[in-house]
Amino acid sequence: MGWKGKEIVEANGVNVEELIHLLNKAYCDEWLAYYQYWVGAKIVVGIPRHHLQQELLEHANEELDHASRLADRIIQLGGRPEIDPKKWYELSSCGYLVPRDPGVDALLDQNLKGERCAIVIYKKLLDYVKGKDMITGHLIRHILEEEIEHEQDLEDIRDDIENFRCGGGK
């Protein structure tokens, strides 16, 4: 990052090294979320498998975009995104939930847990930079909005399945 941009962020009371650390944790979460969605789309079984596969792949691509944007911001702040995949799990706040059960219900529940964790993490990050770092704030607000949309998408699919099972889909 240019020294003036970093200076402005620091002058506004943000510990840039801590911010880089928090962004790197989110970056690791995004890589793990990407893989969790991607592999879930590959192994999912049950009805509505096809619809859930499409949704999981869409979410995977958005998580990958989040990782890319976070990496860019880390670099702008003078840091380096974590380049060792072995460390992603260690640094992750939300972790990786191994999809041991490929059933639609299990994958929905698993990915809802991941989205809810991400929402909490991004809300904390947004609070950390609020009024102090508009660039990072804008990025985090964008990602938070998409994570909230992901949660809603998954809840809607779960509700549709439940409605169908209860006879509403006849």
N, C-alpha and C. Protein backbone atom coordinates (compact mmCIF):
# COMPACT_ATOMS: atom_id res chain seq x y z
N MET A 1 0.85 -1.17 0.00
CA MET A 1 0.00 0.00 0.00
C MET A 1 0.89 1.22 0.00
N GLY A 2 0.41 2.24 -0.67
CA GLY A 2 1.12 3.49 -0.61
C GLY A 2 1.18 3.98 0.82
N TRP A 3 2.27 4.64 1.16
CA TRP A 3 2.45 5.04 2.56
C TRP A 3 1.37 5.98 3.04
N LYS A 4 0.83 6.82 2.16
CA LYS A 4 -0.21 7.77 2.56
C LYS A 4 -1.51 7.03 2.92
N GLY A 5 -1.87 6.04 2.11
CA GLY A 5 -3.08 5.28 2.40
C GLY A 5 -2.98 4.56 3.73
N LYS A 6 -1.84 3.95 4.00
CA LYS A 6 -1.63 3.26 5.27
C LYS A 6 -1.61 4.27 6.42
N GLU A 7 -0.99 5.39 6.20
CA GLU A 7 -0.92 6.45 7.22
C GLU A 7 -2.32 6.92 7.62
N ILE A 8 -3.19 7.08 6.64
CA ILE A 8 -4.57 7.52 6.92
C ILE A 8 -5.30 6.50 7.78
N VAL A 9 -5.15 5.23 7.44
CA VAL A 9 -5.81 4.17 8.20
C VAL A 9 -5.29 4.16 9.64
N GLU A 10 -3.97 4.25 9.79
CA GLU A 10 -3.37 4.26 11.13
C GLU A 10 -3.77 5.50 11.91
N ALA A 11 -3.80 6.66 11.23
CA ALA A 11 -4.16 7.91 11.90
C ALA A 11 -5.60 7.89 12.41
N ASN A 12 -6.42 7.07 11.79
CA ASN A 12 -7.81 6.95 12.23
C ASN A 12 -7.98 5.94 13.36
N GLY A 13 -6.88 5.42 13.88
CA GLY A 13 -6.95 4.55 15.05
C GLY A 13 -7.01 3.07 14.76
N VAL A 14 -6.68 2.66 13.55
CA VAL A 14 -6.69 1.24 13.22
C VAL A 14 -5.26 0.70 13.33
N ASN A 15 -5.11 -0.36 14.07
CA ASN A 15 -3.83 -1.07 14.13
C ASN A 15 -3.76 -1.90 12.85
N VAL A 16 -2.95 -1.45 11.90
CA VAL A 16 -2.91 -2.09 10.58
C VAL A 16 -2.46 -3.54 10.67
N GLU A 17 -1.50 -3.83 11.53
CA GLU A 17 -1.04 -5.22 11.65
C GLU A 17 -2.18 -6.12 12.16
N GLU A 18 -2.95 -5.63 13.12
CA GLU A 18 -4.09 -6.39 13.63
C GLU A 18 -5.15 -6.55 12.54
N LEU A 19 -5.39 -5.48 11.79
CA LEU A 19 -6.36 -5.55 10.70
C LEU A 19 -5.92 -6.57 9.65
N ILE A 20 -4.66 -6.58 9.31
CA ILE A 20 -4.14 -7.56 8.36
C ILE A 20 -4.36 -8.97 8.90
N HIS A 21 -4.11 -9.16 10.18
CA HIS A 21 -4.32 -10.47 10.81
C HIS A 21 -5.79 -10.89 10.71
N LEU A 22 -6.70 -9.97 11.04
CA LEU A 22 -8.13 -10.28 10.97
C LEU A 22 -8.58 -10.56 9.54
N LEU A 23 -8.06 -9.79 8.59
CA LEU A 23 -8.40 -10.02 7.19
C LEU A 23 -7.85 -11.35 6.71
N ASN A 24 -6.67 -11.72 7.18
CA ASN A 24 -6.10 -13.01 6.81
C ASN A 24 -6.93 -14.16 7.36
N LYS A 25 -7.45 -14.01 8.57
CA LYS A 25 -8.33 -15.04 9.14
C LYS A 25 -9.58 -15.19 8.27
N ALA A 26 -10.15 -14.06 7.86
CA ALA A 26 -11.33 -14.11 7.00
C ALA A 26 -10.98 -14.71 5.64
N TYR A 27 -9.81 -14.37 5.13
CA TYR A 27 -9.32 -14.91 3.86
C TYR A 27 -9.24 -16.44 3.94
N CYS A 28 -8.71 -16.96 5.05
CA CYS A 28 -8.62 -18.41 5.23
C CYS A 28 -10.02 -19.02 5.32
N ASP A 29 -10.92 -18.34 6.04
CA ASP A 29 -12.31 -18.82 6.11
C ASP A 29 -12.91 -18.94 4.71
N GLU A 30 -12.64 -17.96 3.88
CA GLU A 30 -13.23 -17.96 2.53
C GLU A 30 -12.71 -19.11 1.69
N TRP A 31 -11.42 -19.41 1.79
CA TRP A 31 -10.89 -20.55 1.03
C TRP A 31 -11.52 -21.85 1.50
N LEU A 32 -11.66 -22.00 2.81
CA LEU A 32 -12.28 -23.22 3.34
C LEU A 32 -13.76 -23.29 2.96
N ALA A 33 -14.44 -22.14 2.99
CA ALA A 33 -15.85 -22.10 2.59
C ALA A 33 -15.99 -22.44 1.11
N TYR A 34 -15.08 -21.91 0.30
CA TYR A 34 -15.10 -22.23 -1.13
C TYR A 34 -15.05 -23.74 -1.32
N TYR A 35 -14.09 -24.38 -0.66
CA TYR A 35 -13.94 -25.82 -0.84
C TYR A 35 -15.15 -26.57 -0.28
N GLN A 36 -15.64 -26.13 0.86
CA GLN A 36 -16.79 -26.80 1.47
C GLN A 36 -18.00 -26.76 0.53
N TYR A 37 -18.25 -25.61 -0.07
CA TYR A 37 -19.36 -25.50 -1.02
C TYR A 37 -19.09 -26.33 -2.28
N TRP A 38 -17.88 -26.21 -2.80
CA TRP A 38 -17.54 -26.90 -4.04
C TRP A 38 -17.66 -28.41 -3.87
N VAL A 39 -17.07 -28.96 -2.82
CA VAL A 39 -17.12 -30.40 -2.63
C VAL A 39 -18.54 -30.85 -2.29
N GLY A 40 -19.28 -30.03 -1.56
CA GLY A 40 -20.68 -30.35 -1.27
C GLY A 40 -21.49 -30.49 -2.54
N ALA A 41 -21.25 -29.59 -3.50
CA ALA A 41 -21.96 -29.66 -4.78
C ALA A 41 -21.62 -30.94 -5.54
N LYS A 42 -20.43 -31.43 -5.36
CA LYS A 42 -20.00 -32.64 -6.06
C LYS A 42 -20.60 -33.90 -5.46
N ILE A 43 -20.80 -33.93 -4.14
CA ILE A 43 -21.19 -35.18 -3.49
C ILE A 43 -22.64 -35.24 -3.03
N VAL A 44 -23.38 -34.13 -3.12
CA VAL A 44 -24.74 -34.08 -2.59
C VAL A 44 -25.63 -35.15 -3.20
N VAL A 45 -26.46 -35.74 -2.34
CA VAL A 45 -27.46 -36.72 -2.78
C VAL A 45 -28.81 -36.34 -2.19
N GLY A 46 -29.85 -36.75 -2.86
CA GLY A 46 -31.20 -36.49 -2.37
C GLY A 46 -31.91 -35.45 -3.22
N ILE A 47 -33.12 -35.17 -2.82
CA ILE A 47 -33.96 -34.22 -3.55
C ILE A 47 -34.03 -32.95 -2.73
N PRO A 48 -33.77 -31.82 -3.30
CA PRO A 48 -33.55 -31.42 -4.69
C PRO A 48 -32.06 -31.27 -5.00
N ARG A 49 -31.40 -32.36 -5.25
CA ARG A 49 -29.96 -32.36 -5.50
C ARG A 49 -29.55 -31.36 -6.56
N HIS A 50 -30.19 -31.38 -7.71
CA HIS A 50 -29.77 -30.51 -8.81
C HIS A 50 -29.85 -29.04 -8.42
N HIS A 51 -30.93 -28.65 -7.79
CA HIS A 51 -31.10 -27.25 -7.38
C HIS A 51 -30.03 -26.87 -6.34
N LEU A 52 -29.80 -27.76 -5.37
CA LEU A 52 -28.80 -27.46 -4.33
C LEU A 52 -27.40 -27.42 -4.93
N GLN A 53 -27.10 -28.30 -5.87
CA GLN A 53 -25.79 -28.27 -6.53
C GLN A 53 -25.54 -26.90 -7.15
N GLN A 54 -26.51 -26.40 -7.88
CA GLN A 54 -26.36 -25.09 -8.53
C GLN A 54 -26.12 -23.99 -7.50
N GLU A 55 -26.88 -24.03 -6.42
CA GLU A 55 -26.74 -23.01 -5.38
C GLU A 55 -25.38 -23.10 -4.70
N LEU A 56 -24.93 -24.30 -4.40
CA LEU A 56 -23.63 -24.48 -3.76
C LEU A 56 -22.49 -24.02 -4.65
N LEU A 57 -22.60 -24.31 -5.95
CA LEU A 57 -21.55 -23.85 -6.87
C LEU A 57 -21.54 -22.33 -6.99
N GLU A 58 -22.72 -21.73 -7.00
CA GLU A 58 -22.80 -20.26 -7.04
C GLU A 58 -22.16 -19.67 -5.78
N HIS A 59 -22.47 -20.24 -4.64
CA HIS A 59 -21.89 -19.76 -3.38
C HIS A 59 -20.38 -19.97 -3.38
N ALA A 60 -19.92 -21.11 -3.87
CA ALA A 60 -18.49 -21.39 -3.93
C ALA A 60 -17.77 -20.30 -4.73
N ASN A 61 -18.32 -19.95 -5.88
CA ASN A 61 -17.69 -18.92 -6.71
C ASN A 61 -17.66 -17.57 -6.00
N GLU A 62 -18.70 -17.26 -5.25
CA GLU A 62 -18.72 -16.00 -4.52
C GLU A 62 -17.73 -16.02 -3.35
N GLU A 63 -17.56 -17.17 -2.70
CA GLU A 63 -16.57 -17.27 -1.63
C GLU A 63 -15.16 -17.10 -2.20
N LEU A 64 -14.92 -17.65 -3.37
CA LEU A 64 -13.62 -17.49 -4.02
C LEU A 64 -13.38 -16.02 -4.37
N ASP A 65 -14.41 -15.32 -4.82
CA ASP A 65 -14.31 -13.89 -5.08
C ASP A 65 -14.00 -13.13 -3.79
N HIS A 66 -14.62 -13.52 -2.69
CA HIS A 66 -14.34 -12.88 -1.41
C HIS A 66 -12.87 -13.06 -1.05
N ALA A 67 -12.35 -14.27 -1.21
CA ALA A 67 -10.95 -14.54 -0.90
C ALA A 67 -10.04 -13.64 -1.75
N SER A 68 -10.37 -13.49 -3.01
CA SER A 68 -9.58 -12.65 -3.91
C SER A 68 -9.59 -11.19 -3.47
N ARG A 69 -10.76 -10.69 -3.13
CA ARG A 69 -10.88 -9.30 -2.69
C ARG A 69 -10.14 -9.07 -1.37
N LEU A 70 -10.26 -10.03 -0.46
CA LEU A 70 -9.55 -9.91 0.82
C LEU A 70 -8.04 -9.93 0.60
N ALA A 71 -7.58 -10.79 -0.30
CA ALA A 71 -6.14 -10.84 -0.60
C ALA A 71 -5.67 -9.49 -1.14
N ASP A 72 -6.45 -8.90 -2.03
CA ASP A 72 -6.09 -7.59 -2.57
C ASP A 72 -5.96 -6.55 -1.46
N ARG A 73 -6.91 -6.55 -0.53
CA ARG A 73 -6.88 -5.55 0.55
C ARG A 73 -5.72 -5.80 1.50
N ILE A 74 -5.44 -7.06 1.79
CA ILE A 74 -4.29 -7.40 2.64
C ILE A 74 -3.01 -6.84 2.02
N ILE A 75 -2.86 -7.04 0.73
CA ILE A 75 -1.68 -6.55 0.02
C ILE A 75 -1.65 -5.02 0.02
N GLN A 76 -2.79 -4.38 -0.19
CA GLN A 76 -2.85 -2.92 -0.15
C GLN A 76 -2.42 -2.36 1.20
N LEU A 77 -2.68 -3.11 2.25
CA LEU A 77 -2.32 -2.68 3.60
C LEU A 77 -0.87 -3.03 3.96
N GLY A 78 -0.16 -3.63 3.02
CA GLY A 78 1.24 -3.96 3.25
C GLY A 78 1.47 -5.36 3.79
N GLY A 79 0.43 -6.18 3.79
CA GLY A 79 0.56 -7.54 4.29
C GLY A 79 0.66 -8.55 3.17
N ARG A 80 0.60 -9.80 3.55
CA ARG A 80 0.63 -10.88 2.58
C ARG A 80 -0.44 -11.90 2.96
N PRO A 81 -1.29 -12.24 2.02
CA PRO A 81 -2.28 -13.27 2.32
C PRO A 81 -1.59 -14.59 2.64
N GLU A 82 -2.21 -15.37 3.52
CA GLU A 82 -1.62 -16.66 3.89
C GLU A 82 -1.53 -17.54 2.66
N ILE A 83 -0.32 -17.95 2.33
CA ILE A 83 -0.10 -18.71 1.10
C ILE A 83 0.03 -20.22 1.34
N ASP A 84 0.05 -20.63 2.59
CA ASP A 84 0.18 -22.05 2.91
C ASP A 84 -1.19 -22.63 3.27
N PRO A 85 -1.78 -23.43 2.38
CA PRO A 85 -3.10 -24.00 2.66
C PRO A 85 -3.16 -24.79 3.97
N LYS A 86 -2.03 -25.34 4.41
CA LYS A 86 -2.02 -26.08 5.68
C LYS A 86 -2.34 -25.17 6.85
N LYS A 87 -2.07 -23.89 6.71
CA LYS A 87 -2.32 -22.94 7.80
C LYS A 87 -3.72 -22.35 7.75
N TRP A 88 -4.45 -22.54 6.66
CA TRP A 88 -5.79 -21.96 6.55
C TRP A 88 -6.69 -22.42 7.69
N TYR A 89 -6.65 -23.70 8.00
CA TYR A 89 -7.51 -24.23 9.05
C TYR A 89 -7.12 -23.66 10.41
N GLU A 90 -5.82 -23.54 10.65
CA GLU A 90 -5.33 -22.98 11.91
C GLU A 90 -5.79 -21.54 12.11
N LEU A 91 -5.74 -20.75 11.06
CA LEU A 91 -6.10 -19.33 11.15
C LEU A 91 -7.59 -19.07 11.05
N SER A 92 -8.31 -20.01 10.52
CA SER A 92 -9.74 -19.85 10.28
C SER A 92 -10.51 -19.65 11.58
N SER A 93 -11.50 -18.78 11.52
CA SER A 93 -12.42 -18.60 12.65
C SER A 93 -13.59 -19.57 12.55
N CYS A 94 -14.03 -19.86 11.34
CA CYS A 94 -15.21 -20.70 11.14
C CYS A 94 -14.86 -22.15 10.87
N GLY A 95 -13.64 -22.42 10.51
CA GLY A 95 -13.20 -23.78 10.28
C GLY A 95 -13.76 -24.39 9.01
N TYR A 96 -13.63 -25.68 8.95
CA TYR A 96 -14.11 -26.45 7.81
C TYR A 96 -14.89 -27.63 8.36
N LEU A 97 -16.13 -27.74 7.96
CA LEU A 97 -16.98 -28.83 8.40
C LEU A 97 -16.97 -29.92 7.33
N VAL A 98 -16.32 -31.01 7.63
CA VAL A 98 -16.19 -32.11 6.67
C VAL A 98 -17.59 -32.65 6.37
N PRO A 99 -17.97 -32.68 5.10
CA PRO A 99 -19.32 -33.16 4.74
C PRO A 99 -19.39 -34.69 4.75
N ARG A 100 -19.40 -35.26 5.94
CA ARG A 100 -19.42 -36.72 6.08
C ARG A 100 -20.74 -37.32 5.61
N ASP A 101 -21.81 -36.54 5.73
CA ASP A 101 -23.13 -36.97 5.27
C ASP A 101 -23.47 -36.14 4.03
N PRO A 102 -23.53 -36.76 2.85
CA PRO A 102 -23.79 -36.00 1.63
C PRO A 102 -25.26 -35.69 1.38
N GLY A 103 -26.12 -36.03 2.33
CA GLY A 103 -27.54 -35.79 2.15
C GLY A 103 -27.86 -34.30 2.12
N VAL A 104 -28.91 -33.96 1.40
CA VAL A 104 -29.33 -32.57 1.24
C VAL A 104 -29.51 -31.89 2.58
N ASP A 105 -30.21 -32.53 3.51
CA ASP A 105 -30.48 -31.91 4.81
C ASP A 105 -29.19 -31.62 5.57
N ALA A 106 -28.30 -32.59 5.59
CA ALA A 106 -27.05 -32.43 6.33
C ALA A 106 -26.20 -31.31 5.72
N LEU A 107 -26.11 -31.28 4.40
CA LEU A 107 -25.31 -30.24 3.75
C LEU A 107 -25.92 -28.86 3.97
N LEU A 108 -27.23 -28.78 3.93
CA LEU A 108 -27.88 -27.48 4.21
C LEU A 108 -27.56 -27.01 5.62
N ASP A 109 -27.72 -27.90 6.59
CA ASP A 109 -27.44 -27.52 7.98
C ASP A 109 -25.98 -27.12 8.16
N GLN A 110 -25.09 -27.89 7.57
CA GLN A 110 -23.67 -27.63 7.67
C GLN A 110 -23.31 -26.27 7.08
N ASN A 111 -23.81 -25.99 5.91
CA ASN A 111 -23.48 -24.73 5.26
C ASN A 111 -24.18 -23.53 5.91
N LEU A 112 -25.34 -23.75 6.49
CA LEU A 112 -25.97 -22.68 7.26
C LEU A 112 -25.12 -22.31 8.47
N LYS A 113 -24.55 -23.30 9.14
CA LYS A 113 -23.65 -23.02 10.27
C LYS A 113 -22.47 -22.17 9.80
N GLY A 114 -21.90 -22.53 8.66
CA GLY A 114 -20.78 -21.78 8.12
C GLY A 114 -21.15 -20.35 7.79
N GLU A 115 -22.30 -20.16 7.17
CA GLU A 115 -22.73 -18.80 6.82
C GLU A 115 -22.99 -17.96 8.06
N ARG A 116 -23.59 -18.57 9.06
CA ARG A 116 -23.89 -17.82 10.28
C ARG A 116 -22.60 -17.42 11.00
N CYS A 117 -21.62 -18.28 10.97
CA CYS A 117 -20.31 -17.94 11.53
C CYS A 117 -19.70 -16.78 10.76
N ALA A 118 -19.74 -16.86 9.43
CA ALA A 118 -19.17 -15.79 8.59
C ALA A 118 -19.86 -14.46 8.87
N ILE A 119 -21.16 -14.48 9.04
CA ILE A 119 -21.90 -13.24 9.31
C ILE A 119 -21.40 -12.61 10.60
N VAL A 120 -21.20 -13.41 11.63
CA VAL A 120 -20.69 -12.90 12.91
C VAL A 120 -19.29 -12.32 12.73
N ILE A 121 -18.42 -13.03 12.02
CA ILE A 121 -17.04 -12.58 11.81
C ILE A 121 -17.02 -11.26 11.05
N TYR A 122 -17.79 -11.16 9.97
CA TYR A 122 -17.77 -9.93 9.17
C TYR A 122 -18.42 -8.76 9.91
N LYS A 123 -19.39 -9.03 10.75
CA LYS A 123 -19.98 -7.96 11.57
C LYS A 123 -18.92 -7.41 12.53
N LYS A 124 -18.15 -8.29 13.15
CA LYS A 124 -17.06 -7.86 14.05
C LYS A 124 -16.01 -7.06 13.29
N LEU A 125 -15.65 -7.53 12.11
CA LEU A 125 -14.67 -6.80 11.28
C LEU A 125 -15.20 -5.43 10.89
N LEU A 126 -16.46 -5.37 10.52
CA LEU A 126 -17.07 -4.09 10.15
C LEU A 126 -17.06 -3.14 11.34
N ASP A 127 -17.39 -3.64 12.52
CA ASP A 127 -17.34 -2.80 13.72
C ASP A 127 -15.92 -2.31 14.00
N TYR A 128 -14.93 -3.15 13.73
CA TYR A 128 -13.53 -2.81 13.98
C TYR A 128 -13.08 -1.62 13.13
N VAL A 129 -13.53 -1.56 11.89
CA VAL A 129 -13.06 -0.50 10.98
C VAL A 129 -14.06 0.64 10.81
N LYS A 130 -15.23 0.50 11.39
CA LYS A 130 -16.31 1.48 11.21
C LYS A 130 -15.83 2.90 11.55
N GLY A 131 -16.00 3.78 10.58
CA GLY A 131 -15.62 5.17 10.77
C GLY A 131 -14.13 5.42 10.74
N LYS A 132 -13.33 4.37 10.52
CA LYS A 132 -11.87 4.51 10.57
C LYS A 132 -11.19 4.14 9.25
N ASP A 133 -11.77 3.20 8.55
CA ASP A 133 -11.16 2.71 7.30
C ASP A 133 -12.30 2.43 6.32
N MET A 134 -12.62 3.43 5.52
CA MET A 134 -13.76 3.32 4.59
C MET A 134 -13.54 2.27 3.52
N ILE A 135 -12.31 2.11 3.06
CA ILE A 135 -12.02 1.15 1.99
C ILE A 135 -12.30 -0.28 2.48
N THR A 136 -11.70 -0.63 3.62
CA THR A 136 -11.95 -1.96 4.17
C THR A 136 -13.41 -2.10 4.57
N GLY A 137 -13.99 -1.05 5.13
CA GLY A 137 -15.40 -1.09 5.51
C GLY A 137 -16.30 -1.39 4.34
N HIS A 138 -16.03 -0.75 3.21
CA HIS A 138 -16.84 -0.99 2.00
C HIS A 138 -16.72 -2.45 1.56
N LEU A 139 -15.49 -2.96 1.57
CA LEU A 139 -15.25 -4.36 1.18
C LEU A 139 -15.99 -5.31 2.12
N ILE A 140 -15.85 -5.09 3.40
CA ILE A 140 -16.47 -5.99 4.38
C ILE A 140 -17.99 -5.90 4.30
N ARG A 141 -18.52 -4.72 4.12
CA ARG A 141 -19.98 -4.55 3.99
C ARG A 141 -20.50 -5.34 2.79
N HIS A 142 -19.77 -5.28 1.67
CA HIS A 142 -20.15 -6.03 0.47
C HIS A 142 -20.15 -7.54 0.75
N ILE A 143 -19.08 -8.03 1.38
CA ILE A 143 -19.00 -9.46 1.67
C ILE A 143 -20.08 -9.87 2.65
N LEU A 144 -20.30 -9.06 3.68
CA LEU A 144 -21.34 -9.35 4.67
C LEU A 144 -22.71 -9.45 4.01
N GLU A 145 -22.97 -8.55 3.10
CA GLU A 145 -24.26 -8.59 2.38
C GLU A 145 -24.41 -9.91 1.63
N GLU A 146 -23.36 -10.36 0.97
CA GLU A 146 -23.44 -11.63 0.24
C GLU A 146 -23.57 -12.83 1.18
N GLU A 147 -22.90 -12.77 2.32
CA GLU A 147 -23.02 -13.87 3.28
C GLU A 147 -24.46 -13.96 3.81
N ILE A 148 -25.07 -12.82 4.05
CA ILE A 148 -26.47 -12.80 4.50
C ILE A 148 -27.38 -13.36 3.41
N GLU A 149 -27.10 -13.02 2.15
CA GLU A 149 -27.87 -13.58 1.03
C GLU A 149 -27.69 -15.09 0.96
N HIS A 150 -26.47 -15.58 1.19
CA HIS A 150 -26.23 -17.03 1.17
C HIS A 150 -27.06 -17.73 2.24
N GLU A 151 -27.06 -17.15 3.44
CA GLU A 151 -27.86 -17.74 4.51
C GLU A 151 -29.33 -17.81 4.09
N GLN A 152 -29.83 -16.73 3.52
CA GLN A 152 -31.23 -16.69 3.11
C GLN A 152 -31.50 -17.72 2.01
N ASP A 153 -30.60 -17.82 1.03
CA ASP A 153 -30.75 -18.80 -0.04
C ASP A 153 -30.89 -20.21 0.53
N LEU A 154 -30.01 -20.55 1.46
CA LEU A 154 -30.04 -21.90 2.04
C LEU A 154 -31.28 -22.12 2.89
N GLU A 155 -31.67 -21.10 3.64
CA GLU A 155 -32.91 -21.23 4.43
C GLU A 155 -34.12 -21.41 3.52
N ASP A 156 -34.14 -20.70 2.41
CA ASP A 156 -35.26 -20.83 1.47
C ASP A 156 -35.33 -22.24 0.89
N ILE A 157 -34.19 -22.81 0.55
CA ILE A 157 -34.18 -24.18 0.02
C ILE A 157 -34.66 -25.14 1.10
N ARG A 158 -34.17 -24.96 2.30
CA ARG A 158 -34.61 -25.83 3.40
C ARG A 158 -36.11 -25.71 3.63
N ASP A 159 -36.63 -24.47 3.60
CA ASP A 159 -38.08 -24.27 3.77
C ASP A 159 -38.88 -24.91 2.64
N ASP A 160 -38.37 -24.80 1.41
CA ASP A 160 -39.05 -25.43 0.27
C ASP A 160 -39.11 -26.94 0.43
N ILE A 161 -38.01 -27.53 0.88
CA ILE A 161 -37.98 -28.98 1.10
C ILE A 161 -38.99 -29.37 2.16
N GLU A 162 -38.99 -28.63 3.26
CA GLU A 162 -39.93 -28.94 4.35
C GLU A 162 -41.37 -28.79 3.89
N ASN A 163 -41.65 -27.75 3.13
CA ASN A 163 -42.99 -27.53 2.61
C ASN A 163 -43.42 -28.69 1.69
N PHE A 164 -42.50 -29.14 0.86
CA PHE A 164 -42.79 -30.25 -0.05
C PHE A 164 -43.07 -31.53 0.74
N ARG A 165 -42.25 -31.77 1.76
CA ARG A 165 -42.40 -32.98 2.58
C ARG A 165 -43.72 -32.98 3.35
N CYS A 166 -44.19 -31.81 3.70
CA CYS A 166 -45.44 -31.70 4.48
C CYS A 166 -46.66 -31.68 3.59
N GLY A 167 -46.47 -31.89 2.31
CA GLY A 167 -47.60 -31.97 1.41
C GLY A 167 -47.88 -30.69 0.65
N GLY A 168 -47.09 -29.66 0.88
CA GLY A 168 -47.31 -28.40 0.18
C GLY A 168 -46.86 -28.43 -1.27
N GLY A 169 -46.11 -29.48 -1.64
CA GLY A 169 -45.61 -29.55 -3.00
C GLY A 169 -46.42 -30.41 -3.91
N LYS A 170 -47.60 -30.83 -3.45
CA LYS A 170 -48.43 -31.72 -4.27
C LYS A 170 -49.13 -30.96 -5.36
